Amino acid sequence: MPAKNTPTRTRKEQPHPMFPDGGTPSWEVAFLFPAQGTWTEDDYFALDAIHQGWPLIELSNGRLEVLPMPTQTHQLILALLFQLLGAFTQVHAPGMVLFSGMRVRLKKGQFRDPDIVYMKAEHAHRRREKYWEGADLVMEVVSPDPRDRVRDLEIKLQEYARARIPEYWIIDSERRHIAVLTLKGRAYRVHGDFGPGTEATSVLLPGFAVSVDAVWAVAGGQ
């Protein structure tokens, strides 16, 4: 990747909190990459040769966003939903279900990495090896960090709607609710905000339902 920014002076090295041994980051390396706000799709994909797909990184409005390391609870919920959705669609709505790690291109220069993504068989032409062009259904397991809650509950809600993704599931472990949003025109409307003792249901996939209690039970290792 060609350098886009050249350092004009050497930054005074100071101990960094991420390096408890007193070391300092290699600040000069940062100048080999584009500045935030100027990243292109080519720049974004060129990172694959460096970081080998981890940490997970999204691209939005020319800026890179590094996703948090998933917790055990996050992974347990994700595994359950992946199994349930995969089993249902295999029988009732053929298509492909994948988990986090498959990029979704929402528009030129904007890529998100949903926790779970589903594409109907008739839209298989929109699936590419490195990314999908949109999706039919996405799910996000909301992380507890305030920045990540804003990303999943506000920013991605708007971005997925503009990309015309028909259905968005938000699994909120802090509230122990599952919100199912369905696209109406250019915005989402709430199909249901499902709490304990209920089943979250789909509009896109009639008959698909997830027990909210089962999600929190598996999250607790039960």
Protein backbone atom coordinates (compact mmCIF):
# COMPACT_ATOMS: atom_id res chain seq x y z
CA MET A 1 0.00 0.00 0.00
CA PRO A 2 1.60 3.30 -1.01
CA ALA A 3 2.25 5.91 1.63
CA LYS A 4 -0.30 8.68 1.62
CA ASN A 5 1.04 10.73 4.48
CA THR A 6 4.66 11.60 5.15
CA PRO A 7 5.79 12.49 8.68
CA THR A 8 7.17 16.00 8.97
CA ARG A 9 8.56 15.56 12.47
CA THR A 10 9.31 12.80 14.93
CA ARG A 11 6.78 12.48 17.73
CA LYS A 12 8.32 12.49 21.19
CA GLU A 13 8.04 8.97 22.50
CA GLN A 14 6.01 8.61 25.68
CA PRO A 15 4.95 5.45 27.52
CA HIS A 16 1.59 4.22 26.29
CA PRO A 17 -1.07 2.62 28.56
CA MET A 18 -1.41 -0.34 26.18
CA PHE A 19 2.28 -1.15 26.72
CA PRO A 20 2.67 -1.71 30.49
CA ASP A 21 6.32 -2.71 30.07
CA GLY A 22 7.15 0.89 29.26
CA GLY A 23 7.34 0.39 25.54
CA THR A 24 5.97 2.83 22.99
CA PRO A 25 4.00 2.21 19.78
CA SER A 26 5.74 2.49 16.42
CA TRP A 27 4.07 5.79 15.61
CA GLU A 28 5.93 6.18 12.32
CA VAL A 29 4.18 3.12 10.89
CA ALA A 30 0.86 4.98 11.06
CA PHE A 31 2.10 7.36 8.38
CA LEU A 32 2.22 4.46 5.92
CA PHE A 33 -1.56 4.30 5.94
CA PRO A 34 -4.31 6.72 4.86
CA ALA A 35 -5.63 9.20 7.40
CA GLN A 36 -9.06 8.59 8.90
CA GLY A 37 -11.68 9.89 6.52
CA THR A 38 -9.66 9.11 3.39
CA TRP A 39 -9.70 5.30 3.25
CA THR A 40 -10.89 3.79 -0.04
CA GLU A 41 -12.16 0.30 -0.83
CA ASP A 42 -8.76 -0.62 -2.30
CA ASP A 43 -7.00 0.58 0.87
CA TYR A 44 -9.44 -1.38 2.99
CA PHE A 45 -8.95 -4.68 1.17
CA ALA A 46 -5.18 -4.20 1.08
CA LEU A 47 -5.23 -4.60 4.87
CA ASP A 48 -6.07 -8.29 4.45
CA ALA A 49 -2.47 -9.03 3.56
CA ILE A 50 -1.33 -7.46 6.84
CA HIS A 51 -3.80 -8.31 9.59
CA GLN A 52 -5.14 -11.65 8.24
CA GLY A 53 -8.76 -10.84 9.04
CA TRP A 54 -8.31 -10.06 12.73
CA PRO A 55 -9.23 -7.83 14.40
CA LEU A 56 -12.46 -7.32 12.50
CA ILE A 57 -12.47 -3.93 10.81
CA GLU A 58 -15.35 -2.09 9.15
CA LEU A 59 -15.18 0.81 6.69
CA SER A 60 -17.64 3.68 6.83
CA ASN A 61 -17.34 7.21 5.43
CA GLY A 62 -13.66 6.75 4.72
CA ARG A 63 -12.92 5.74 8.31
CA LEU A 64 -11.81 2.43 9.76
CA GLU A 65 -13.72 1.12 12.78
CA VAL A 66 -12.12 -1.70 14.78
CA LEU A 67 -14.72 -3.97 16.34
CA PRO A 68 -14.33 -5.12 19.96
CA MET A 69 -13.08 -8.59 20.84
CA PRO A 70 -16.19 -10.77 21.31
CA THR A 71 -16.96 -12.06 24.79
CA GLN A 72 -18.00 -15.60 25.71
CA THR A 73 -21.62 -14.45 26.07
CA HIS A 74 -21.48 -12.85 22.64
CA GLN A 75 -20.13 -16.03 21.05
CA LEU A 76 -22.64 -18.32 22.75
CA ILE A 77 -25.57 -16.18 21.58
CA LEU A 78 -24.11 -15.97 18.09
CA ALA A 79 -23.65 -19.75 17.89
CA LEU A 80 -27.26 -20.42 18.92
CA LEU A 81 -28.76 -17.94 16.45
CA PHE A 82 -26.55 -19.25 13.65
CA GLN A 83 -27.71 -22.81 14.31
CA LEU A 84 -31.39 -21.87 14.53
CA LEU A 85 -31.44 -19.67 11.45
CA GLY A 86 -29.36 -22.13 9.44
CA ALA A 87 -31.62 -25.06 10.29
CA PHE A 88 -34.79 -23.11 9.49
CA THR A 89 -33.64 -21.70 6.16
CA GLN A 90 -32.26 -25.04 5.00
CA VAL A 91 -35.80 -26.43 5.09
CA HIS A 92 -38.08 -23.44 4.57
CA ALA A 93 -36.13 -20.66 2.83
CA PRO A 94 -33.07 -21.92 0.94
CA GLY A 95 -30.16 -19.54 0.91
CA MET A 96 -26.92 -18.99 2.78
CA VAL A 97 -26.35 -18.09 6.43
CA LEU A 98 -22.90 -16.97 7.58
CA PHE A 99 -21.51 -15.59 10.81
CA SER A 100 -19.20 -12.68 11.57
CA GLY A 101 -16.27 -12.42 9.19
CA MET A 102 -18.25 -11.95 5.96
CA ARG A 103 -18.27 -8.32 4.90
CA VAL A 104 -21.45 -6.73 3.58
CA ARG A 105 -21.07 -3.87 1.11
CA LEU A 106 -23.81 -1.36 1.86
CA LYS A 107 -22.72 1.14 -0.78
CA LYS A 108 -19.50 2.18 -2.48
CA GLY A 109 -16.87 2.69 0.19
CA GLN A 110 -18.98 1.30 3.05
CA PHE A 111 -18.56 -2.20 4.48
CA ARG A 112 -20.06 -3.63 7.64
CA ASP A 113 -19.51 -7.03 9.27
CA PRO A 114 -22.80 -8.22 10.81
CA ASP A 115 -22.72 -10.94 13.44
CA ILE A 116 -25.05 -13.06 11.28
CA VAL A 117 -26.01 -12.49 7.66
CA TYR A 118 -28.54 -14.31 5.44
CA MET A 119 -29.08 -14.15 1.69
CA LYS A 120 -31.90 -15.88 -0.17
CA ALA A 121 -31.00 -18.39 -2.87
CA GLU A 122 -32.53 -16.21 -5.57
CA HIS A 123 -30.07 -13.46 -4.65
CA ALA A 124 -27.00 -15.70 -4.88
CA HIS A 125 -25.60 -13.46 -7.66
CA ARG A 126 -24.99 -10.81 -4.97
CA ARG A 127 -22.62 -13.06 -3.06
CA ARG A 128 -18.93 -12.62 -3.79
CA GLU A 129 -15.92 -14.37 -2.33
CA LYS A 130 -14.73 -11.46 -0.18
CA TYR A 131 -18.02 -9.69 0.45
CA TRP A 132 -21.73 -9.67 -0.25
CA GLU A 133 -23.64 -6.91 -1.98
CA GLY A 134 -26.21 -6.23 0.73
CA ALA A 135 -28.19 -9.00 2.44
CA ASP A 136 -31.75 -10.09 3.12
CA LEU A 137 -31.41 -10.31 6.90
CA VAL A 138 -28.73 -9.25 9.36
CA MET A 139 -28.36 -9.79 13.10
CA GLU A 140 -26.20 -7.89 15.59
CA VAL A 141 -25.45 -8.97 19.14
CA VAL A 142 -25.02 -5.64 20.89
CA SER A 143 -21.80 -5.20 22.85
CA PRO A 144 -22.00 -3.45 26.25
CA ASP A 145 -19.51 -0.71 25.37
CA PRO A 146 -21.40 2.61 24.92
CA ARG A 147 -19.68 3.32 21.58
CA ASP A 148 -20.68 -0.06 20.23
CA ARG A 149 -24.26 0.37 21.43
CA VAL A 150 -24.48 3.61 19.48
CA ARG A 151 -23.02 1.87 16.43
CA ASP A 152 -25.50 -1.04 16.51
CA LEU A 153 -28.60 0.73 17.81
CA GLU A 154 -28.35 3.99 15.87
CA ILE A 155 -25.71 4.16 13.16
CA LYS A 156 -26.09 0.68 11.67
CA LEU A 157 -29.85 0.93 11.92
CA GLN A 158 -29.75 3.87 9.53
CA GLU A 159 -27.07 2.36 7.29
CA TYR A 160 -28.83 -1.00 6.91
CA ALA A 161 -32.08 0.77 6.10
CA ARG A 162 -30.41 2.93 3.43
CA ALA A 163 -28.90 -0.26 1.97
CA ARG A 164 -32.46 -1.66 1.83
CA ILE A 165 -31.79 -4.75 3.92
CA PRO A 166 -35.32 -6.07 4.56
CA GLU A 167 -34.88 -7.22 8.17
CA TYR A 168 -32.58 -6.33 11.08
CA TRP A 169 -32.45 -8.23 14.37
CA ILE A 170 -30.87 -6.52 17.38
CA ILE A 171 -30.02 -8.84 20.27
CA ASP A 172 -29.53 -6.61 23.29
CA SER A 173 -27.96 -8.52 26.19
CA GLU A 174 -28.08 -5.46 28.45
CA ARG A 175 -31.88 -5.21 28.18
CA ARG A 176 -32.37 -8.94 27.54
CA HIS A 177 -34.58 -8.06 24.60
CA ILE A 178 -34.58 -8.91 20.90
CA ALA A 179 -35.82 -6.18 18.57
CA VAL A 180 -36.91 -7.22 15.09
CA LEU A 181 -37.02 -4.38 12.60
CA THR A 182 -38.58 -4.64 9.17
CA LEU A 183 -38.03 -2.25 6.27
CA LYS A 184 -40.97 -0.01 5.40
CA GLY A 185 -40.13 2.31 2.54
CA ARG A 186 -36.74 3.79 3.37
CA ALA A 187 -36.81 3.26 7.14
CA TYR A 188 -37.29 0.46 9.62
CA ARG A 189 -40.37 0.00 11.70
CA VAL A 190 -40.42 -2.15 14.83
CA HIS A 191 -42.12 -5.46 14.18
CA GLY A 192 -41.58 -6.42 17.80
CA ASP A 193 -39.46 -5.69 20.87
CA PHE A 194 -39.44 -9.12 22.46
CA GLY A 195 -38.59 -9.62 26.13
CA PRO A 196 -38.35 -12.58 28.54
CA GLY A 197 -41.10 -15.16 28.21
CA THR A 198 -41.74 -14.37 24.55
CA GLU A 199 -40.56 -15.52 21.13
CA ALA A 200 -38.99 -13.16 18.62
CA THR A 201 -40.56 -13.69 15.20
CA SER A 202 -39.61 -12.78 11.65
CA VAL A 203 -41.60 -11.01 8.94
CA LEU A 204 -39.19 -11.97 6.16
CA LEU A 205 -39.21 -15.64 7.21
CA PRO A 206 -42.74 -16.61 8.33
CA GLY A 207 -42.53 -19.35 10.92
CA PHE A 208 -39.04 -18.52 12.14
CA ALA A 209 -39.08 -17.80 15.87
CA VAL A 210 -36.49 -17.59 18.62
CA SER A 211 -37.22 -18.02 22.32
CA VAL A 212 -35.82 -15.02 24.17
CA ASP A 213 -35.39 -17.12 27.30
CA ALA A 214 -33.39 -19.72 25.36
CA VAL A 215 -31.00 -17.03 24.18
CA TRP A 216 -30.23 -15.86 27.72
CA ALA A 217 -30.06 -19.45 28.96
CA VAL A 218 -27.35 -20.33 26.47
CA ALA A 219 -25.62 -17.05 27.23
CA GLY A 220 -25.37 -18.18 30.83
CA GLY A 221 -23.80 -21.45 29.77
CA GLN A 222 -26.93 -23.52 30.44
